[in-house]
N, C-alpha and C. Protein backbone atom coordinates (compact mmCIF):
# COMPACT_ATOMS: atom_id res chain seq x y z
N MET A 1 -0.99 -8.91 16.70
CA MET A 1 -1.75 -9.70 15.76
C MET A 1 -3.16 -9.85 16.32
N THR A 2 -4.14 -9.78 15.44
CA THR A 2 -5.52 -9.91 15.87
C THR A 2 -5.90 -11.37 15.99
N THR A 3 -6.91 -11.63 16.84
CA THR A 3 -7.35 -13.01 17.04
C THR A 3 -8.66 -13.29 16.34
N SER A 4 -9.27 -12.28 15.74
CA SER A 4 -10.53 -12.51 15.02
C SER A 4 -10.33 -12.17 13.55
N ASN A 5 -11.29 -12.59 12.74
CA ASN A 5 -11.23 -12.29 11.31
C ASN A 5 -11.95 -11.00 10.97
N ALA A 6 -12.46 -10.30 11.98
CA ALA A 6 -13.18 -9.05 11.73
C ALA A 6 -12.20 -7.99 11.24
N PRO A 7 -12.59 -7.23 10.22
CA PRO A 7 -11.70 -6.17 9.72
C PRO A 7 -11.38 -5.17 10.82
N ASP A 8 -10.13 -4.75 10.88
CA ASP A 8 -9.73 -3.75 11.87
C ASP A 8 -9.02 -2.57 11.22
N ALA A 9 -9.03 -2.53 9.88
CA ALA A 9 -8.35 -1.45 9.18
C ALA A 9 -9.06 -1.13 7.86
N LEU A 10 -8.77 0.08 7.35
CA LEU A 10 -9.42 0.60 6.15
C LEU A 10 -8.37 1.19 5.23
N LEU A 11 -8.42 0.86 3.93
CA LEU A 11 -7.55 1.48 2.94
C LEU A 11 -8.22 2.76 2.45
N LEU A 12 -7.48 3.86 2.47
CA LEU A 12 -8.03 5.15 2.09
C LEU A 12 -7.25 5.71 0.90
N GLY A 13 -7.96 5.93 -0.21
CA GLY A 13 -7.34 6.43 -1.43
C GLY A 13 -6.88 5.29 -2.32
N GLY A 14 -6.37 5.63 -3.49
CA GLY A 14 -5.84 4.63 -4.41
C GLY A 14 -6.89 3.69 -4.97
N PRO A 15 -6.42 2.63 -5.61
CA PRO A 15 -7.33 1.72 -6.32
C PRO A 15 -8.21 0.87 -5.40
N ARG A 16 -7.89 0.75 -4.14
CA ARG A 16 -8.69 -0.06 -3.21
C ARG A 16 -9.33 0.80 -2.13
N ASP A 17 -9.60 2.05 -2.46
CA ASP A 17 -10.22 2.99 -1.52
C ASP A 17 -11.48 2.39 -0.90
N GLY A 18 -11.56 2.44 0.42
CA GLY A 18 -12.73 1.96 1.13
C GLY A 18 -12.70 0.47 1.48
N THR A 19 -11.64 -0.23 1.11
CA THR A 19 -11.54 -1.66 1.41
C THR A 19 -11.21 -1.88 2.88
N LEU A 20 -12.00 -2.73 3.53
CA LEU A 20 -11.74 -3.13 4.91
C LEU A 20 -10.93 -4.41 4.91
N PHE A 21 -10.03 -4.56 5.88
CA PHE A 21 -9.20 -5.76 5.97
C PHE A 21 -8.68 -5.93 7.39
N THR A 22 -8.05 -7.07 7.65
CA THR A 22 -7.42 -7.33 8.94
C THR A 22 -5.94 -6.99 8.81
N ALA A 23 -5.47 -6.01 9.57
CA ALA A 23 -4.13 -5.46 9.40
C ALA A 23 -3.03 -6.27 10.07
N ASP A 24 -3.33 -6.96 11.14
CA ASP A 24 -2.29 -7.70 11.87
C ASP A 24 -1.11 -6.81 12.24
N ASP A 25 -1.35 -5.56 12.59
CA ASP A 25 -0.32 -4.62 13.05
C ASP A 25 0.72 -4.26 12.00
N ALA A 26 0.42 -4.44 10.72
CA ALA A 26 1.38 -4.10 9.65
C ALA A 26 1.56 -2.59 9.55
N ALA A 27 2.79 -2.16 9.35
CA ALA A 27 3.08 -0.74 9.16
C ALA A 27 2.83 -0.31 7.72
N VAL A 28 3.03 -1.25 6.79
CA VAL A 28 2.87 -0.99 5.36
C VAL A 28 2.09 -2.15 4.75
N VAL A 29 1.18 -1.82 3.83
CA VAL A 29 0.44 -2.84 3.08
C VAL A 29 0.77 -2.62 1.61
N GLN A 30 1.25 -3.67 0.95
CA GLN A 30 1.56 -3.60 -0.48
C GLN A 30 0.71 -4.62 -1.22
N LEU A 31 0.05 -4.16 -2.28
CA LEU A 31 -0.80 -5.01 -3.09
C LEU A 31 -0.35 -4.92 -4.54
N GLU A 32 -0.26 -6.06 -5.22
CA GLU A 32 0.05 -6.02 -6.65
C GLU A 32 -1.26 -5.99 -7.40
N ILE A 33 -1.47 -4.91 -8.14
CA ILE A 33 -2.71 -4.70 -8.89
C ILE A 33 -2.32 -4.24 -10.28
N ASP A 34 -2.76 -4.95 -11.29
CA ASP A 34 -2.50 -4.60 -12.69
C ASP A 34 -1.01 -4.38 -12.98
N GLY A 35 -0.17 -5.22 -12.41
CA GLY A 35 1.26 -5.15 -12.69
C GLY A 35 2.03 -4.11 -11.92
N LEU A 36 1.40 -3.40 -10.99
CA LEU A 36 2.08 -2.41 -10.17
C LEU A 36 1.91 -2.76 -8.70
N ILE A 37 2.89 -2.38 -7.89
CA ILE A 37 2.79 -2.53 -6.45
C ILE A 37 2.17 -1.26 -5.89
N GLN A 38 0.99 -1.40 -5.31
CA GLN A 38 0.27 -0.28 -4.70
C GLN A 38 0.59 -0.29 -3.21
N ARG A 39 1.03 0.83 -2.65
CA ARG A 39 1.46 0.86 -1.25
C ARG A 39 0.55 1.77 -0.41
N TYR A 40 0.20 1.26 0.76
CA TYR A 40 -0.59 1.98 1.75
C TYR A 40 0.19 2.02 3.06
N LEU A 41 0.20 3.17 3.72
CA LEU A 41 0.94 3.35 4.97
C LEU A 41 -0.02 3.52 6.15
N ARG A 42 0.31 2.88 7.27
CA ARG A 42 -0.50 2.99 8.48
C ARG A 42 -0.41 4.41 9.05
N THR A 43 -1.53 4.90 9.53
CA THR A 43 -1.57 6.19 10.20
C THR A 43 -1.99 5.96 11.65
N THR A 44 -2.08 7.04 12.40
CA THR A 44 -2.60 6.94 13.76
C THR A 44 -4.09 7.24 13.80
N SER A 45 -4.66 7.55 12.64
CA SER A 45 -6.08 7.88 12.55
C SER A 45 -6.95 6.64 12.63
N ARG A 46 -8.14 6.83 13.16
CA ARG A 46 -9.14 5.77 13.20
C ARG A 46 -10.46 6.34 12.71
N GLN A 47 -11.25 5.49 12.05
CA GLN A 47 -12.60 5.86 11.61
C GLN A 47 -13.56 4.82 12.15
N ASP A 48 -14.79 5.23 12.36
CA ASP A 48 -15.81 4.28 12.81
C ASP A 48 -16.39 3.53 11.62
N HIS A 49 -16.52 2.22 11.78
CA HIS A 49 -17.19 1.38 10.79
C HIS A 49 -18.16 0.49 11.55
N ARG A 50 -19.45 0.75 11.36
CA ARG A 50 -20.49 0.00 12.06
C ARG A 50 -20.28 -0.02 13.56
N GLY A 51 -19.90 1.15 14.08
CA GLY A 51 -19.73 1.29 15.52
C GLY A 51 -18.40 0.81 16.07
N GLN A 52 -17.52 0.32 15.21
CA GLN A 52 -16.20 -0.15 15.65
C GLN A 52 -15.11 0.72 15.04
N PRO A 53 -14.11 1.11 15.83
CA PRO A 53 -13.01 1.89 15.26
C PRO A 53 -12.11 1.01 14.39
N VAL A 54 -11.73 1.52 13.23
CA VAL A 54 -10.78 0.83 12.36
C VAL A 54 -9.60 1.76 12.08
N LEU A 55 -8.42 1.19 12.00
CA LEU A 55 -7.20 1.92 11.71
C LEU A 55 -7.19 2.32 10.24
N VAL A 56 -6.69 3.52 9.94
CA VAL A 56 -6.67 4.02 8.56
C VAL A 56 -5.27 3.87 7.95
N TYR A 57 -5.22 3.29 6.75
CA TYR A 57 -4.00 3.20 5.95
C TYR A 57 -4.20 4.10 4.74
N VAL A 58 -3.27 5.04 4.49
CA VAL A 58 -3.41 5.97 3.38
C VAL A 58 -2.56 5.53 2.19
N TYR A 59 -3.07 5.82 1.00
CA TYR A 59 -2.39 5.46 -0.25
C TYR A 59 -1.12 6.27 -0.41
N ASP A 60 -0.02 5.58 -0.75
CA ASP A 60 1.28 6.23 -0.91
C ASP A 60 1.76 6.23 -2.35
N GLY A 61 1.11 5.48 -3.22
CA GLY A 61 1.50 5.48 -4.62
C GLY A 61 1.78 4.09 -5.15
N ALA A 62 2.25 4.03 -6.40
CA ALA A 62 2.48 2.76 -7.09
C ALA A 62 3.87 2.74 -7.70
N THR A 63 4.46 1.54 -7.75
CA THR A 63 5.74 1.33 -8.42
C THR A 63 5.70 -0.01 -9.13
N PRO A 64 6.53 -0.20 -10.15
CA PRO A 64 6.61 -1.50 -10.79
C PRO A 64 7.21 -2.51 -9.81
N PRO A 65 6.91 -3.79 -9.97
CA PRO A 65 7.44 -4.81 -9.06
C PRO A 65 8.97 -4.85 -8.99
N ASP A 66 9.66 -4.44 -10.06
CA ASP A 66 11.12 -4.46 -10.06
C ASP A 66 11.72 -3.27 -9.32
N GLY A 67 10.87 -2.36 -8.83
CA GLY A 67 11.34 -1.22 -8.06
C GLY A 67 11.71 -0.02 -8.90
N GLY A 68 11.72 -0.15 -10.21
CA GLY A 68 12.05 0.97 -11.09
C GLY A 68 10.91 1.96 -11.14
N LEU A 69 11.19 3.13 -11.61
CA LEU A 69 10.16 4.15 -11.76
C LEU A 69 9.75 4.22 -13.22
N PRO A 70 8.45 4.25 -13.50
CA PRO A 70 7.99 4.31 -14.89
C PRO A 70 8.61 5.49 -15.63
N GLY A 71 9.16 5.23 -16.82
CA GLY A 71 9.69 6.30 -17.66
C GLY A 71 11.10 6.73 -17.32
N ILE A 72 11.72 6.11 -16.31
CA ILE A 72 13.08 6.50 -15.93
C ILE A 72 14.02 5.34 -16.23
N GLY A 73 15.07 5.62 -16.96
CA GLY A 73 16.06 4.61 -17.29
C GLY A 73 17.28 5.29 -17.86
N LEU A 74 18.21 4.50 -18.36
CA LEU A 74 19.40 5.07 -18.97
C LEU A 74 19.11 5.50 -20.39
N ALA A 75 20.02 6.26 -20.98
CA ALA A 75 19.84 6.75 -22.35
C ALA A 75 19.63 5.60 -23.32
N ASP A 76 20.23 4.42 -23.04
CA ASP A 76 20.05 3.29 -23.93
C ASP A 76 18.73 2.55 -23.69
N GLY A 77 17.95 3.06 -22.75
CA GLY A 77 16.65 2.46 -22.47
C GLY A 77 16.68 1.41 -21.39
N GLY A 78 17.87 1.06 -20.91
CA GLY A 78 17.98 0.05 -19.86
C GLY A 78 17.78 0.64 -18.48
N PRO A 79 17.62 -0.23 -17.49
CA PRO A 79 17.44 0.26 -16.13
C PRO A 79 18.75 0.77 -15.56
N PRO A 80 18.69 1.63 -14.55
CA PRO A 80 19.91 2.08 -13.89
C PRO A 80 20.64 0.90 -13.26
N ALA A 81 21.94 0.99 -13.18
CA ALA A 81 22.73 -0.08 -12.56
C ALA A 81 22.43 -0.16 -11.07
N ALA A 82 22.55 -1.36 -10.50
CA ALA A 82 22.33 -1.53 -9.08
C ALA A 82 23.25 -0.61 -8.30
N GLY A 83 22.71 0.06 -7.31
CA GLY A 83 23.49 0.96 -6.48
C GLY A 83 23.75 2.31 -7.12
N ALA A 84 23.18 2.57 -8.29
CA ALA A 84 23.41 3.85 -8.97
C ALA A 84 22.77 5.02 -8.24
N TRP A 85 21.80 4.74 -7.42
CA TRP A 85 21.13 5.83 -6.71
C TRP A 85 21.89 6.10 -5.47
């Protein structure tokens, strides 16, 4: 965990491309934006920002908050049953 409020990480790609933030050693960052969960994954890469190295998190994609995939459901239009996968 970091002890300062200075950004130590950068989101790369996706809807928040270029956003600096304090990562607190998180392996995954999930943001709810416009009704979808946007996920970013930590990498081992670092980039310089104003002379300071920042950890890079890359965009992994979006899913609905309920975990379902857009456009995928049963023939009756309902979601798959729990454990169906």
